[in-house]
Amino acid sequence: MMTNLLIETTTVTLESLSEQVAAQTLTYNNIWMMLCTAFVFLMHLGFATLETGLTRSKNTINILFKNTIIVCIGVLLYAAWGFNLMYPGADFAGQFFGFAGFGISEPLTAEGTLDLAYNGGYTYWTDFLFQGMFAATCATIVSGAVAERAKLGAFLVFSIILVGIVYPITGMWHWGGGFLKEMGFYDFAGSTLVHSVGGWAALVYVLFLGARIGKYNGVTKPIEGHSIPLVTIGVFLLWLGWFGFNGGSVLSADPELTSRVLVTTFLAACIGGISAILTSYAYTKSLDVTMVLNGILAGLVAVTAGADVVSPLNAIIIGAVGGILVVIGVIVIDKLKIDDPVGAVPVHLMNGIWGTLAVGIFSMNPDHSFMTQLIGVASIGAFVVIVSTVVLFIIKLTMGLRISAKEEMEGLDMHEHNMDAYPDFRN
């Protein structure tokens, strides 16, 4: 009898210990995910300062307004239907479209209590907020590309479609268990699902808008931004935020995997900056700090698709190619007379594509193939381009896309907002 009692006591003790360990693991995972959510949120300030610095001071308030209101709109749309459109549940596995209903609510256990072990390591609310931060990022990519000549109302309508419909549907195709997931397509943290989606939308929007006045009058005329210090601050904020962007995409506080992801992410950023300035110097014979900064972002975008499945050495290769691509991209789109004030298309679209395809080349997982990655890139690109074209065409016919020449010359701040960011200094 004493033996049985001892066995029962030991069993209870082990079960209690197991429950304590599980509770601690949940807490650690949840804290890490919330911290990463805060880092990704900080990236929106990075986008705001980067775009502001690369444009003229007379459009500062317009840039800041767009980057602020996008976060508000994006997260509300994600709560209203976007989250359930992107993650519709197992019933829609392998499909093109699914919807779990409007609104957000905590899933319950069979006993009717809150399911604290949601998704195996963090709460439902943490998951929603983390994913919501990603959703708003798409439109901020577009914001910089169309800066200084896009009507604010038209931009906001387009952003609602992009964040509320386009992003969740394409996200569902992979992260939500859709047909790309079934095919074996892989995008760890969003080189395609976030950056290329925003990049494709930005490219279509820029083509509809045309160039800023004076940019391509016979010869290409550089239109310089008003604050390189703001640009630098923005890039470092984005760089810091990427620790949450990629580190949080592990979806746990797993020490080995999170550490590895942060290392590959940081290495790709560093080499991206170096390869960009070397490439730029070979072409222009000048040490352009904006090329270093865009090279860092290019390396970050490129490694995002495979940060957890590539070696540190291969992350360096991916980032190096990314830095070269961003310089080539800036030069090429300028020659094609495509006016992108912040380099959004070379940074986010070109390197989003490259980084996603690189998974098929460098991944340590033998199940990842180049052709599957290519199919994923092409299908998402086609969908975004088609929807963006239709939406922008309708907006152009109804609201109009571009401000008047007088408004553009005098600046959006005074005409769209009746405010001046720098009353004592304008360019």
Protein backbone atom coordinates (compact mmCIF):
# COMPACT_ATOMS: atom_id res chain seq x y z
CA MET A 1 0.00 0.00 0.00
CA MET A 2 2.87 2.36 0.84
CA THR A 3 4.37 1.63 -2.58
CA ASN A 4 1.10 2.49 -4.35
CA LEU A 5 0.79 5.69 -2.33
CA LEU A 6 4.34 6.63 -3.23
CA ILE A 7 3.68 5.99 -6.93
CA GLU A 8 0.49 8.08 -6.84
CA THR A 9 2.25 10.91 -5.03
CA THR A 10 5.12 10.84 -7.54
CA THR A 11 2.68 10.85 -10.45
CA VAL A 12 0.79 13.84 -9.07
CA THR A 13 4.06 15.64 -8.45
CA LEU A 14 5.27 14.99 -12.01
CA GLU A 15 1.94 16.11 -13.47
CA SER A 16 2.06 19.27 -11.39
CA LEU A 17 5.65 19.93 -12.46
CA SER A 18 4.70 19.34 -16.10
CA GLU A 19 1.85 21.84 -15.82
CA GLN A 20 4.18 24.41 -14.28
CA VAL A 21 6.73 23.96 -17.07
CA ALA A 22 3.99 24.26 -19.71
CA ALA A 23 2.68 27.44 -18.07
CA GLN A 24 6.16 28.95 -17.92
CA THR A 25 6.81 28.06 -21.57
CA LEU A 26 3.55 29.70 -22.59
CA THR A 27 4.49 32.81 -20.64
CA TYR A 28 7.96 33.00 -22.20
CA ASN A 29 6.59 32.47 -25.71
CA ASN A 30 3.83 34.99 -25.19
CA ILE A 31 6.18 37.65 -23.81
CA TRP A 32 8.56 37.17 -26.75
CA MET A 33 5.70 37.45 -29.24
CA MET A 34 4.38 40.61 -27.59
CA LEU A 35 7.86 42.12 -27.62
CA CYS A 36 8.21 41.30 -31.31
CA THR A 37 4.80 42.86 -31.92
CA ALA A 38 6.13 46.08 -30.38
CA PHE A 39 9.22 45.92 -32.61
CA VAL A 40 7.09 45.52 -35.75
CA PHE A 41 4.88 48.39 -34.61
CA LEU A 42 8.03 50.53 -34.31
CA MET A 43 8.75 49.83 -37.99
CA HIS A 44 5.88 52.13 -38.95
CA LEU A 45 7.77 55.03 -37.40
CA GLY A 46 10.76 53.88 -39.43
CA PHE A 47 8.75 53.99 -42.65
CA ALA A 48 7.41 57.43 -41.74
CA THR A 49 10.83 58.98 -41.08
CA LEU A 50 12.46 57.25 -44.07
CA GLU A 51 9.80 58.46 -46.51
CA THR A 52 9.73 61.93 -44.97
CA GLY A 53 13.48 62.36 -45.31
CA LEU A 54 13.58 61.20 -48.93
CA THR A 55 10.89 63.66 -50.03
CA ARG A 56 10.65 67.45 -50.01
CA SER A 57 9.74 69.32 -46.86
CA LYS A 58 6.53 70.70 -48.39
CA ASN A 59 5.08 67.17 -48.32
CA THR A 60 6.19 66.19 -44.82
CA ILE A 61 2.82 66.32 -43.10
CA ASN A 62 1.21 64.34 -45.90
CA ILE A 63 3.77 61.54 -45.49
CA LEU A 64 3.39 61.49 -41.71
CA PHE A 65 -0.40 61.53 -41.95
CA LYS A 66 -0.50 58.57 -44.34
CA ASN A 67 1.87 56.47 -42.27
CA THR A 68 -0.10 57.21 -39.12
CA ILE A 69 -3.61 56.67 -40.44
CA ILE A 70 -2.63 53.46 -42.26
CA VAL A 71 -1.83 51.77 -38.94
CA CYS A 72 -5.22 52.78 -37.53
CA ILE A 73 -7.15 51.67 -40.61
CA GLY A 74 -5.13 48.51 -41.16
CA VAL A 75 -5.52 47.05 -37.69
CA LEU A 76 -9.24 47.89 -37.55
CA LEU A 77 -9.82 46.20 -40.91
CA TYR A 78 -7.82 43.21 -39.73
CA ALA A 79 -10.02 42.99 -36.65
CA ALA A 80 -13.24 43.41 -38.65
CA TRP A 81 -12.57 40.63 -41.16
CA GLY A 82 -8.93 40.47 -42.31
CA PHE A 83 -7.68 38.06 -39.64
CA ASN A 84 -10.45 35.56 -40.35
CA LEU A 85 -9.98 36.01 -44.09
CA MET A 86 -6.28 35.23 -43.80
CA TYR A 87 -6.68 32.40 -41.28
CA PRO A 88 -10.06 30.81 -42.09
CA GLY A 89 -9.31 27.46 -40.45
CA ALA A 90 -8.66 23.85 -41.41
CA ASP A 91 -11.90 23.54 -43.41
CA PHE A 92 -10.35 25.65 -46.16
CA ALA A 93 -6.96 23.91 -46.34
CA GLY A 94 -5.54 23.81 -49.85
CA GLN A 95 -8.07 26.28 -51.24
CA PHE A 96 -7.91 29.73 -52.85
CA PHE A 97 -10.35 31.44 -50.52
CA GLY A 98 -11.85 30.99 -47.06
CA PHE A 99 -13.58 33.09 -44.46
CA ALA A 100 -14.21 32.29 -40.80
CA GLY A 101 -16.60 35.19 -40.17
CA PHE A 102 -16.53 38.81 -39.04
CA GLY A 103 -14.86 40.07 -35.89
CA ILE A 104 -12.39 38.48 -33.48
CA SER A 105 -13.09 36.40 -30.39
CA GLU A 106 -10.99 34.15 -28.17
CA PRO A 107 -11.37 30.42 -28.96
CA LEU A 108 -12.50 28.31 -26.02
CA THR A 109 -11.51 24.88 -24.76
CA ALA A 110 -13.95 21.96 -24.62
CA GLU A 111 -14.69 22.95 -21.03
CA GLY A 112 -15.65 26.46 -22.07
CA THR A 113 -12.60 28.17 -20.57
CA LEU A 114 -10.18 30.45 -22.42
CA ASP A 115 -7.75 28.50 -24.59
CA LEU A 116 -4.47 29.87 -23.26
CA ALA A 117 -2.45 27.35 -25.25
CA TYR A 118 -3.81 28.70 -28.55
CA ASN A 119 -1.60 27.74 -31.49
CA GLY A 120 0.74 25.82 -29.20
CA GLY A 121 2.52 28.62 -27.45
CA TYR A 122 0.85 32.03 -27.22
CA THR A 123 -2.59 33.54 -26.86
CA TYR A 124 -5.11 34.29 -29.58
CA TRP A 125 -4.92 38.01 -28.86
CA THR A 126 -1.15 38.07 -29.20
CA ASP A 127 -1.42 36.27 -32.53
CA PHE A 128 -4.00 38.75 -33.83
CA LEU A 129 -1.98 41.81 -32.86
CA PHE A 130 1.29 40.44 -34.23
CA GLN A 131 -0.31 39.57 -37.56
CA GLY A 132 -2.15 42.89 -37.62
CA MET A 133 1.14 44.78 -37.49
CA PHE A 134 2.21 42.93 -40.65
CA ALA A 135 -1.03 43.78 -42.45
CA ALA A 136 -0.54 47.54 -42.19
CA THR A 137 3.01 47.28 -43.59
CA CYS A 138 1.83 46.61 -47.17
CA ALA A 139 0.24 50.01 -47.57
CA THR A 140 3.20 51.85 -46.04
CA ILE A 141 5.37 50.38 -48.82
CA VAL A 142 3.03 51.93 -51.38
CA SER A 143 2.95 55.26 -49.52
CA GLY A 144 6.56 56.11 -50.26
CA ALA A 145 6.44 55.12 -53.92
CA VAL A 146 3.50 57.44 -54.70
CA ALA A 147 4.73 60.31 -52.53
CA GLU A 148 4.42 63.96 -53.53
CA ARG A 149 1.69 63.62 -56.18
CA ALA A 150 -1.01 61.15 -55.06
CA LYS A 151 -4.41 62.35 -53.88
CA LEU A 152 -4.82 61.47 -50.23
CA GLY A 153 -8.43 60.26 -50.54
CA ALA A 154 -7.63 58.03 -53.50
CA PHE A 155 -4.61 56.57 -51.69
CA LEU A 156 -6.69 55.75 -48.63
CA VAL A 157 -9.35 53.99 -50.71
CA PHE A 158 -6.66 51.92 -52.43
CA SER A 159 -5.04 51.13 -49.08
CA ILE A 160 -8.35 49.85 -47.71
CA ILE A 161 -8.63 47.40 -50.63
CA LEU A 162 -4.99 46.37 -50.34
CA VAL A 163 -4.94 45.83 -46.58
CA GLY A 164 -8.53 44.65 -46.22
CA ILE A 165 -8.79 42.25 -49.16
CA VAL A 166 -5.63 41.68 -51.22
CA TYR A 167 -3.17 41.08 -48.38
CA PRO A 168 -5.37 38.66 -46.37
CA ILE A 169 -6.27 36.59 -49.43
CA THR A 170 -2.68 36.18 -50.63
CA GLY A 171 -1.61 35.53 -47.04
CA MET A 172 -4.22 32.80 -46.75
CA TRP A 173 -2.74 31.03 -49.79
CA HIS A 174 0.36 30.18 -47.74
CA TRP A 175 0.24 31.19 -44.06
CA GLY A 176 -3.48 30.39 -43.80
CA GLY A 177 -3.08 26.87 -45.20
CA GLY A 178 -4.16 27.60 -48.78
CA PHE A 179 -3.11 26.08 -52.08
CA LEU A 180 0.47 27.40 -52.00
CA LYS A 181 1.00 25.79 -48.62
CA GLU A 182 -0.22 22.50 -50.08
CA MET A 183 2.24 22.86 -52.97
CA GLY A 184 5.19 23.31 -50.61
CA PHE A 185 5.75 27.02 -51.22
CA TYR A 186 7.73 28.65 -48.38
CA ASP A 187 7.94 32.24 -47.20
CA PHE A 188 9.05 32.41 -43.58
CA ALA A 189 8.26 36.03 -42.70
CA GLY A 190 7.00 37.68 -45.87
CA SER A 191 9.52 38.48 -48.63
CA THR A 192 6.63 37.80 -50.98
CA LEU A 193 3.52 37.83 -48.79
CA VAL A 194 4.33 41.26 -47.34
CA HIS A 195 7.07 42.98 -49.33
CA SER A 196 6.33 41.79 -52.85
CA VAL A 197 2.61 42.32 -52.36
CA GLY A 198 3.31 45.91 -51.37
CA GLY A 199 5.95 46.23 -54.10
CA TRP A 200 3.67 45.02 -56.90
CA ALA A 201 0.92 47.36 -55.75
CA ALA A 202 3.40 50.24 -55.58
CA LEU A 203 4.66 49.59 -59.11
CA VAL A 204 1.16 49.56 -60.61
CA TYR A 205 0.20 52.70 -58.69
CA VAL A 206 3.35 54.56 -59.82
CA LEU A 207 2.68 53.62 -63.45
CA PHE A 208 -0.85 55.00 -63.19
CA LEU A 209 0.35 58.23 -61.54
CA GLY A 210 3.29 59.10 -63.73
CA ALA A 211 6.38 61.01 -62.65
CA ARG A 212 6.59 64.14 -60.52
CA ILE A 213 6.72 67.46 -62.36
CA GLY A 214 10.28 68.22 -63.46
CA LYS A 215 11.64 64.73 -62.88
CA TYR A 216 12.01 63.72 -66.54
CA ASN A 217 12.07 66.88 -68.67
CA GLY A 218 14.40 65.76 -71.44
CA VAL A 219 16.99 64.61 -68.92
CA THR A 220 16.58 62.88 -65.58
CA LYS A 221 16.66 65.44 -62.80
CA PRO A 222 17.27 64.23 -59.26
CA ILE A 223 14.66 65.54 -56.81
CA GLU A 224 16.49 65.41 -53.52
CA GLY A 225 14.84 64.70 -50.20
CA HIS A 226 15.08 67.28 -47.45
CA SER A 227 16.63 65.31 -44.57
CA ILE A 228 19.19 62.53 -44.83
CA PRO A 229 19.37 62.33 -41.00
CA LEU A 230 15.67 61.40 -40.95
CA VAL A 231 16.31 58.75 -43.60
CA THR A 232 19.11 57.27 -41.51
CA ILE A 233 16.97 57.23 -38.38
CA GLY A 234 14.21 55.53 -40.35
CA VAL A 235 16.48 52.78 -41.63
CA PHE A 236 17.86 52.04 -38.17
CA LEU A 237 14.32 51.90 -36.77
CA LEU A 238 13.34 49.46 -39.51
CA TRP A 239 16.50 47.44 -38.91
CA LEU A 240 15.68 47.18 -35.22
CA GLY A 241 12.05 46.36 -36.01
CA TRP A 242 13.15 43.53 -38.27
CA PHE A 243 14.29 41.63 -35.19
CA GLY A 244 10.61 41.42 -34.32
CA PHE A 245 9.50 40.95 -37.92
CA ASN A 246 11.68 37.89 -38.46
CA GLY A 247 12.33 36.89 -34.85
CA GLY A 248 8.64 36.87 -34.04
CA SER A 249 7.86 34.80 -37.12
CA VAL A 250 9.41 31.83 -35.32
CA LEU A 251 6.10 32.01 -33.38
CA SER A 252 7.80 30.95 -30.16
CA ALA A 253 10.73 31.87 -27.94
CA ASP A 254 12.64 28.79 -29.05
CA PRO A 255 16.22 29.81 -28.12
CA GLU A 256 18.00 27.98 -30.93
CA LEU A 257 15.74 29.03 -33.78
CA THR A 258 15.18 32.64 -32.72
CA SER A 259 18.92 33.16 -32.26
CA ARG A 260 19.63 31.67 -35.67
CA VAL A 261 17.00 33.84 -37.35
CA LEU A 262 18.37 37.01 -35.76
CA VAL A 263 21.89 36.13 -36.91
CA THR A 264 20.92 35.43 -40.53
CA THR A 265 18.79 38.58 -40.56
CA PHE A 266 21.56 40.81 -39.24
CA LEU A 267 24.27 39.37 -41.48
CA ALA A 268 22.15 39.85 -44.61
CA ALA A 269 21.50 43.48 -43.67
CA CYS A 270 25.18 44.23 -43.09
CA ILE A 271 26.39 42.73 -46.35
CA GLY A 272 23.49 44.33 -48.21
CA GLY A 273 24.73 47.77 -47.20
CA ILE A 274 28.32 46.95 -48.20
CA SER A 275 27.49 45.37 -51.57
CA ALA A 276 25.15 48.26 -52.42
CA ILE A 277 27.73 50.96 -51.82
CA LEU A 278 30.41 49.04 -53.72
CA THR A 279 28.06 48.61 -56.67
CA SER A 280 26.96 52.23 -56.50
CA TYR A 281 30.52 53.50 -56.31
CA ALA A 282 31.52 51.45 -59.35
CA TYR A 283 28.75 53.19 -61.31
CA THR A 284 28.76 56.75 -59.91
CA LYS A 285 32.21 57.09 -58.30
CA SER A 286 30.54 58.63 -55.23
CA LEU A 287 29.84 57.33 -51.73
CA ASP A 288 26.07 57.79 -51.60
CA VAL A 289 24.79 57.12 -48.08
CA THR A 290 21.25 56.52 -49.36
CA MET A 291 22.55 53.55 -51.33
CA VAL A 292 24.06 52.07 -48.18
CA LEU A 293 20.77 52.56 -46.37
CA ASN A 294 18.67 51.07 -49.15
CA GLY A 295 21.17 48.21 -49.40
CA ILE A 296 20.61 47.39 -45.73
CA LEU A 297 16.86 47.29 -46.33
CA ALA A 298 17.36 45.21 -49.46
CA GLY A 299 19.35 42.62 -47.52
CA LEU A 300 16.64 42.50 -44.86
CA VAL A 301 13.83 42.03 -47.38
CA ALA A 302 15.78 39.37 -49.27
CA VAL A 303 16.59 37.18 -46.26
CA THR A 304 13.09 37.41 -44.79
CA ALA A 305 11.69 34.51 -46.83
CA GLY A 306 14.30 32.01 -45.65
CA ALA A 307 15.85 33.41 -42.48
CA ASP A 308 15.09 30.19 -40.59
CA VAL A 309 16.16 27.71 -43.28
CA VAL A 310 19.40 29.14 -44.66
CA SER A 311 22.88 29.02 -43.15
CA PRO A 312 24.64 32.20 -42.02
CA LEU A 313 26.99 31.94 -45.02
CA ASN A 314 24.10 31.66 -47.45
CA ALA A 315 22.33 34.54 -45.71
CA ILE A 316 25.41 36.63 -46.52
CA ILE A 317 25.17 35.58 -50.18
CA ILE A 318 21.45 36.41 -50.29
CA GLY A 319 22.03 39.81 -48.71
CA ALA A 320 24.97 40.59 -51.01
CA VAL A 321 22.90 39.90 -54.10
CA GLY A 322 20.11 41.99 -52.59
CA GLY A 323 22.41 44.98 -52.20
CA ILE A 324 23.54 44.71 -55.82
CA LEU A 325 19.95 44.33 -57.04
CA VAL A 326 18.72 47.45 -55.29
CA VAL A 327 21.34 49.63 -57.00
CA ILE A 328 20.66 48.09 -60.41
CA GLY A 329 16.93 48.47 -59.77
CA VAL A 330 17.21 52.18 -58.93
CA ILE A 331 19.23 52.80 -62.09
CA VAL A 332 16.93 50.76 -64.35
CA ILE A 333 13.61 52.20 -63.20
CA ASP A 334 15.07 55.69 -63.51
CA LYS A 335 16.04 54.95 -67.11
CA LEU A 336 12.51 53.65 -67.71
CA LYS A 337 11.22 56.97 -66.29
CA ILE A 338 9.37 55.29 -63.44
CA ASP A 339 9.41 57.79 -60.59
CA ASP A 340 9.78 56.06 -57.21
CA PRO A 341 11.00 58.68 -54.70
CA VAL A 342 12.01 56.21 -51.97
CA GLY A 343 13.15 53.18 -53.98
CA ALA A 344 10.23 51.04 -52.83
CA VAL A 345 10.12 48.96 -56.00
CA PRO A 346 13.83 47.96 -56.00
CA VAL A 347 13.88 47.37 -52.24
CA HIS A 348 10.59 45.58 -51.65
CA LEU A 349 9.52 44.13 -55.00
CA MET A 350 12.81 43.12 -56.59
CA ASN A 351 14.32 41.82 -53.38
CA GLY A 352 11.08 40.27 -52.25
CA ILE A 353 11.13 38.19 -55.42
CA TRP A 354 14.84 37.41 -55.11
CA GLY A 355 14.61 36.42 -51.48
CA THR A 356 11.68 34.09 -52.12
CA LEU A 357 13.42 32.39 -55.04
CA ALA A 358 16.60 32.14 -52.96
CA VAL A 359 14.78 29.75 -50.63
CA GLY A 360 14.61 27.30 -53.53
CA ILE A 361 18.37 27.64 -54.01
CA PHE A 362 19.83 27.83 -50.50
CA SER A 363 17.29 26.25 -48.14
CA MET A 364 18.55 23.44 -45.93
CA ASN A 365 15.13 21.82 -46.27
CA PRO A 366 15.20 19.47 -49.29
CA ASP A 367 11.42 19.85 -49.71
CA HIS A 368 11.85 23.46 -50.87
CA SER A 369 12.20 23.74 -54.65
CA PHE A 370 12.96 26.64 -56.96
CA MET A 371 10.03 25.90 -59.27
CA THR A 372 7.53 25.87 -56.41
CA GLN A 373 8.91 29.19 -55.17
CA LEU A 374 8.64 30.60 -58.70
CA ILE A 375 5.01 29.49 -58.99
CA GLY A 376 4.22 31.17 -55.69
CA VAL A 377 5.90 34.43 -56.69
CA ALA A 378 4.15 34.45 -60.08
CA SER A 379 0.67 33.62 -58.78
CA ILE A 380 0.77 36.24 -56.02
CA GLY A 381 2.27 38.82 -58.37
CA ALA A 382 -0.40 38.22 -61.00
CA PHE A 383 -3.22 38.51 -58.47
CA VAL A 384 -1.91 41.74 -56.94
CA VAL A 385 -1.24 43.35 -60.33
CA ILE A 386 -4.68 42.46 -61.71
CA VAL A 387 -6.60 43.64 -58.65
CA SER A 388 -4.48 46.79 -58.29
CA THR A 389 -4.99 47.67 -61.95
CA VAL A 390 -8.76 47.27 -61.75
CA VAL A 391 -9.06 49.20 -58.50
CA LEU A 392 -6.81 52.06 -59.63
CA PHE A 393 -8.61 52.31 -62.96
CA ILE A 394 -11.95 52.68 -61.17
CA ILE A 395 -10.51 55.25 -58.74
CA LYS A 396 -9.01 57.20 -61.64
CA LEU A 397 -12.40 57.39 -63.38
CA THR A 398 -14.28 58.38 -60.23
CA MET A 399 -12.08 60.23 -57.73
CA GLY A 400 -8.96 60.86 -59.73
CA LEU A 401 -5.52 59.68 -58.66
CA ARG A 402 -3.32 62.73 -58.90
CA ILE A 403 -3.36 66.22 -57.45
CA SER A 404 -3.28 69.26 -59.73
CA ALA A 405 -0.02 70.74 -61.02
CA LYS A 406 -0.53 73.82 -58.83
CA GLU A 407 -1.02 71.66 -55.72
CA GLU A 408 2.03 69.59 -56.55
CA MET A 409 4.25 72.62 -57.01
CA GLU A 410 3.08 74.23 -53.77
CA GLY A 411 3.06 70.98 -51.77
CA LEU A 412 0.47 68.60 -50.37
CA ASP A 413 0.89 69.88 -46.83
CA MET A 414 -0.84 73.17 -47.48
CA HIS A 415 -3.41 71.86 -49.96
CA GLU A 416 -4.36 68.51 -48.35
CA HIS A 417 -3.81 69.45 -44.69
CA ASN A 418 -3.61 73.25 -44.49
CA MET A 419 -0.49 72.89 -42.35
CA ASP A 420 3.24 73.45 -42.69
CA ALA A 421 5.70 71.07 -41.02
CA TYR A 422 8.53 73.62 -41.11
CA PRO A 423 7.09 77.17 -41.01
CA ASP A 424 10.58 78.69 -41.11
CA PHE A 425 12.11 76.37 -43.67
CA ARG A 426 10.76 74.89 -46.90
CA ASN A 427 12.23 73.52 -50.13
